[in-house]
C-alpha atoms as a PDB file:
ATOM      1  CA  UNK A   1      90.007 167.043 162.836  1.00  0.00           C
ATOM      2  CA  UNK A   2      91.621 163.839 162.939  1.00  0.00           C
ATOM      3  CA  UNK A   3      88.982 162.143 165.358  1.00  0.00           C
ATOM      4  CA  UNK A   4      86.293 163.824 163.601  1.00  0.00           C
ATOM      5  CA  UNK A   5      86.817 161.660 160.229  1.00  0.00           C
ATOM      6  CA  UNK A   6      87.723 159.342 162.207  1.00  0.00           C
ATOM      7  CA  UNK A   7      84.504 159.135 164.431  1.00  0.00           C
ATOM      8  CA  UNK A   8      82.524 160.179 160.696  1.00  0.00           C
ATOM      9  CA  UNK A   9      83.793 156.905 158.737  1.00  0.00           C
ATOM     10  CA  UNK A  10      83.702 154.247 161.789  1.00  0.00           C
ATOM     11  CA  UNK A  11      79.888 155.917 162.091  1.00  0.00           C
ATOM     12  CA  UNK A  12      79.346 155.296 157.740  1.00  0.00           C
ATOM     13  CA  UNK A  13      80.673 152.027 158.230  1.00  0.00           C
ATOM     14  CA  UNK A  14      79.217 151.071 160.761  1.00  0.00           C
ATOM     15  CA  UNK A  15      75.608 151.927 160.162  1.00  0.00           C
ATOM     16  CA  UNK A  16      75.578 150.667 156.927  1.00  0.00           C
ATOM     17  CA  UNK A  17      78.167 147.816 155.391  1.00  0.00           C
ATOM     18  CA  UNK A  18      78.450 146.050 158.830  1.00  0.00           C
ATOM     19  CA  UNK A  19      74.791 145.499 159.529  1.00  0.00           C
ATOM     20  CA  UNK A  20      75.261 142.886 156.061  1.00  0.00           C
ATOM     21  CA  UNK A  21      78.063 140.926 157.981  1.00  0.00           C
ATOM     22  CA  UNK A  22      76.370 140.097 161.260  1.00  0.00           C
ATOM     23  CA  UNK A  23      76.980 137.183 163.076  1.00  0.00           C
ATOM     24  CA  UNK A  24      73.657 135.971 164.536  1.00  0.00           C
ATOM     25  CA  UNK A  25      72.277 139.767 164.797  1.00  0.00           C
ATOM     26  CA  UNK A  26      75.877 140.497 166.582  1.00  0.00           C
ATOM     27  CA  UNK A  27      77.870 143.797 164.680  1.00  0.00           C
ATOM     28  CA  UNK A  28      80.746 145.243 165.648  1.00  0.00           C
ATOM     29  CA  UNK A  29      80.353 148.473 167.326  1.00  0.00           C
ATOM     30  CA  UNK A  30      83.437 150.187 165.412  1.00  0.00           C
ATOM     31  CA  UNK A  31      82.507 153.682 166.999  1.00  0.00           C
ATOM     32  CA  UNK A  32      82.787 152.026 170.518  1.00  0.00           C
ATOM     33  CA  UNK A  33      86.876 151.177 168.907  1.00  0.00           C
ATOM     34  CA  UNK A  34      87.018 154.390 167.998  1.00  0.00           C
ATOM     35  CA  UNK A  35      85.915 156.045 171.355  1.00  0.00           C
ATOM     36  CA  UNK A  36      88.986 153.600 173.068  1.00  0.00           C
ATOM     37  CA  UNK A  37      91.360 154.660 170.729  1.00  0.00           C
ATOM     38  CA  UNK A  38      90.686 158.288 171.673  1.00  0.00           C
ATOM     39  CA  UNK A  39      91.005 157.682 175.523  1.00  0.00           C
ATOM     40  CA  UNK A  40      94.158 155.532 174.899  1.00  0.00           C
ATOM     41  CA  UNK A  41      95.409 158.464 172.548  1.00  0.00           C
ATOM     42  CA  UNK A  42      94.735 161.409 174.568  1.00  0.00           C
ATOM     43  CA  UNK A  43      93.075 162.483 178.001  1.00  0.00           C
ATOM     44  CA  UNK A  44      90.268 161.857 179.645  1.00  0.00           C
ATOM     45  CA  UNK A  45      88.509 165.277 178.281  1.00  0.00           C
ATOM     46  CA  UNK A  46      88.905 164.476 175.025  1.00  0.00           C
ATOM     47  CA  UNK A  47      88.281 160.587 174.662  1.00  0.00           C
ATOM     48  CA  UNK A  48      84.440 161.689 176.475  1.00  0.00           C
ATOM     49  CA  UNK A  49      83.811 165.088 174.102  1.00  0.00           C
ATOM     50  CA  UNK A  50      84.751 161.964 171.483  1.00  0.00           C
ATOM     51  CA  UNK A  51      82.453 159.481 172.779  1.00  0.00           C
ATOM     52  CA  UNK A  52      79.665 161.895 172.990  1.00  0.00           C
ATOM     53  CA  UNK A  53      80.086 163.277 169.301  1.00  0.00           C
ATOM     54  CA  UNK A  54      79.747 159.710 168.484  1.00  0.00           C
ATOM     55  CA  UNK A  55      76.971 158.817 170.837  1.00  0.00           C
ATOM     56  CA  UNK A  56      74.620 161.510 169.527  1.00  0.00           C
ATOM     57  CA  UNK A  57      75.629 160.250 165.832  1.00  0.00           C
ATOM     58  CA  UNK A  58      74.615 156.992 166.236  1.00  0.00           C
ATOM     59  CA  UNK A  59      71.235 158.432 168.286  1.00  0.00           C
ATOM     60  CA  UNK A  60      70.522 159.840 164.716  1.00  0.00           C
ATOM     61  CA  UNK A  61      71.533 157.473 162.582  1.00  0.00           C
ATOM     62  CA  UNK A  62      68.645 156.415 160.218  1.00  0.00           C
ATOM     63  CA  UNK A  63      68.067 152.621 161.789  1.00  0.00           C
ATOM     64  CA  UNK A  64      67.768 153.972 165.321  1.00  0.00           C
ATOM     65  CA  UNK A  65      64.523 152.321 167.347  1.00  0.00           C
ATOM     66  CA  UNK A  66      65.467 153.839 170.982  1.00  0.00           C
ATOM     67  CA  UNK A  67      65.158 157.067 172.667  1.00  0.00           C
ATOM     68  CA  UNK A  68      68.350 159.584 171.924  1.00  0.00           C
ATOM     69  CA  UNK A  69      71.350 160.106 174.208  1.00  0.00           C
ATOM     70  CA  UNK A  70      71.169 156.137 174.424  1.00  0.00           C
ATOM     71  CA  UNK A  71      74.293 155.773 172.919  1.00  0.00           C
ATOM     72  CA  UNK A  72      75.233 159.132 173.642  1.00  0.00           C
ATOM     73  CA  UNK A  73      75.733 158.188 177.563  1.00  0.00           C
ATOM     74  CA  UNK A  74      77.293 155.218 177.144  1.00  0.00           C
ATOM     75  CA  UNK A  75      80.461 156.254 174.804  1.00  0.00           C
ATOM     76  CA  UNK A  76      81.187 159.584 177.209  1.00  0.00           C
ATOM     77  CA  UNK A  77      81.504 156.851 180.082  1.00  0.00           C
ATOM     78  CA  UNK A  78      83.487 154.403 178.264  1.00  0.00           C
ATOM     79  CA  UNK A  79      85.078 157.833 177.271  1.00  0.00           C
ATOM     80  CA  UNK A  80      85.696 158.260 181.083  1.00  0.00           C
ATOM     81  CA  UNK A  81      87.011 155.222 182.118  1.00  0.00           C
END
């Protein structure tokens, strides 16, 4: 439950607040940090599940201009590593 809240909060902050604080177009990836924290706190399967959920939500967030699945795949790999 805590991971779901952390992913949702990270997604909202990343999509709504951080683009206004970008430096030369670079925006911090808070969802990536949540996946890494899940990997450090739990096992690989849990981190991969959190990575898939966070990535899928990032793929479906409104300013997305790419094919769905890119972030999901990338964050699943991060959770696996």
